[in-house]
Amino acid sequence: MLFALQLLAGAGQADPNQQGSWLPLVTMGLVLVFAYLLLFRAPMKRQEQERKNLFAALKKNDKVVTSAGIIGIIASIKEK
């Protein structure tokens, strides 16, 4: 895929030895932005939504295990 993008970026050049073209940099920037949105941003939003749903479903006397491995029972819940 990267090879195809490089070919597309270089198709408009008149001289193949020409230096300083900005088009490959723009193409690479677009690929990086797309990768960030696809690989990092979407999973983080999904995890945050799952965490909010989990906290919203908690109620008094539920058994929980913390990330440190501590087992406990919910005594009370406050909104904030």
Protein backbone atom coordinates (compact mmCIF):
# COMPACT_ATOMS: atom_id res chain seq x y z
CA MET A 1 0.00 0.00 0.00
CA LEU A 2 2.82 2.37 0.85
CA PHE A 3 4.48 1.62 -2.47
CA ALA A 4 1.26 2.48 -4.31
CA LEU A 5 0.97 5.77 -2.41
CA GLN A 6 4.56 6.64 -3.28
CA LEU A 7 3.87 5.95 -6.95
CA LEU A 8 0.81 8.19 -6.85
CA ALA A 9 2.75 10.92 -5.09
CA GLY A 10 5.58 10.75 -7.61
CA ALA A 11 3.38 10.59 -10.72
CA GLY A 12 3.17 14.38 -11.08
CA GLN A 13 6.93 14.99 -11.11
CA ALA A 14 8.47 16.03 -14.41
CA ASP A 15 12.05 15.17 -13.41
CA PRO A 16 12.60 11.94 -11.43
CA ASN A 17 15.78 13.42 -9.89
CA GLN A 18 13.93 16.47 -8.60
CA GLN A 19 14.49 17.13 -4.89
CA GLY A 20 12.24 18.82 -2.34
CA SER A 21 8.80 17.59 -3.32
CA TRP A 22 6.26 18.05 -0.53
CA LEU A 23 3.68 15.61 -1.89
CA PRO A 24 5.22 12.46 -0.33
CA LEU A 25 5.26 14.23 3.04
CA VAL A 26 1.58 15.11 2.75
CA THR A 27 0.77 11.53 1.75
CA MET A 28 2.71 10.13 4.69
CA GLY A 29 1.01 12.62 7.01
CA LEU A 30 -2.42 11.50 5.83
CA VAL A 31 -1.46 7.85 6.35
CA LEU A 32 -0.26 8.62 9.89
CA VAL A 33 -3.46 10.52 10.75
CA PHE A 34 -5.58 7.68 9.41
CA ALA A 35 -3.52 5.12 11.38
CA TYR A 36 -3.89 7.17 14.58
CA LEU A 37 -7.65 7.39 14.19
CA LEU A 38 -8.03 3.73 13.30
CA LEU A 39 -5.54 2.12 15.67
CA PHE A 40 -5.57 4.34 18.76
CA ARG A 41 -8.54 6.65 18.98
CA ALA A 42 -11.36 4.19 18.25
CA PRO A 43 -10.25 1.52 20.77
CA MET A 44 -9.71 4.17 23.47
CA LYS A 45 -13.24 5.51 22.97
CA ARG A 46 -14.67 1.99 23.10
CA GLN A 47 -12.77 1.20 26.32
CA GLU A 48 -13.96 4.42 27.95
CA GLN A 49 -17.57 3.63 27.03
CA GLU A 50 -17.25 0.11 28.48
CA ARG A 51 -15.77 1.56 31.69
CA LYS A 52 -18.64 4.06 32.02
CA ASN A 53 -21.21 1.30 31.49
CA LEU A 54 -19.49 -0.88 34.11
CA PHE A 55 -19.49 1.91 36.71
CA ALA A 56 -23.11 2.79 35.95
CA ALA A 57 -24.16 -0.84 36.55
CA LEU A 58 -22.54 -1.06 40.02
CA LYS A 59 -24.82 -1.16 43.01
CA LYS A 60 -24.59 -1.76 46.75
CA ASN A 61 -23.37 -5.24 47.84
CA ASP A 62 -21.77 -6.02 44.43
CA LYS A 63 -18.52 -7.98 44.67
CA VAL A 64 -15.63 -6.34 42.80
CA VAL A 65 -11.96 -7.03 42.12
CA THR A 66 -9.62 -4.06 41.64
CA SER A 67 -6.85 -4.00 39.05
CA ALA A 68 -4.42 -4.66 41.92
CA GLY A 69 -6.28 -7.85 42.79
CA ILE A 70 -8.03 -6.63 45.94
CA ILE A 71 -11.44 -8.24 46.39
CA GLY A 72 -14.17 -6.10 47.96
CA ILE A 73 -17.86 -5.45 48.32
CA ILE A 74 -19.49 -2.10 47.43
CA ALA A 75 -20.71 -0.47 50.66
CA SER A 76 -22.17 2.72 49.15
CA ILE A 77 -22.18 4.62 45.88
CA LYS A 78 -22.10 8.38 45.41
CA GLU A 79 -22.92 10.09 42.12
CA LYS A 80 -19.66 12.03 41.89
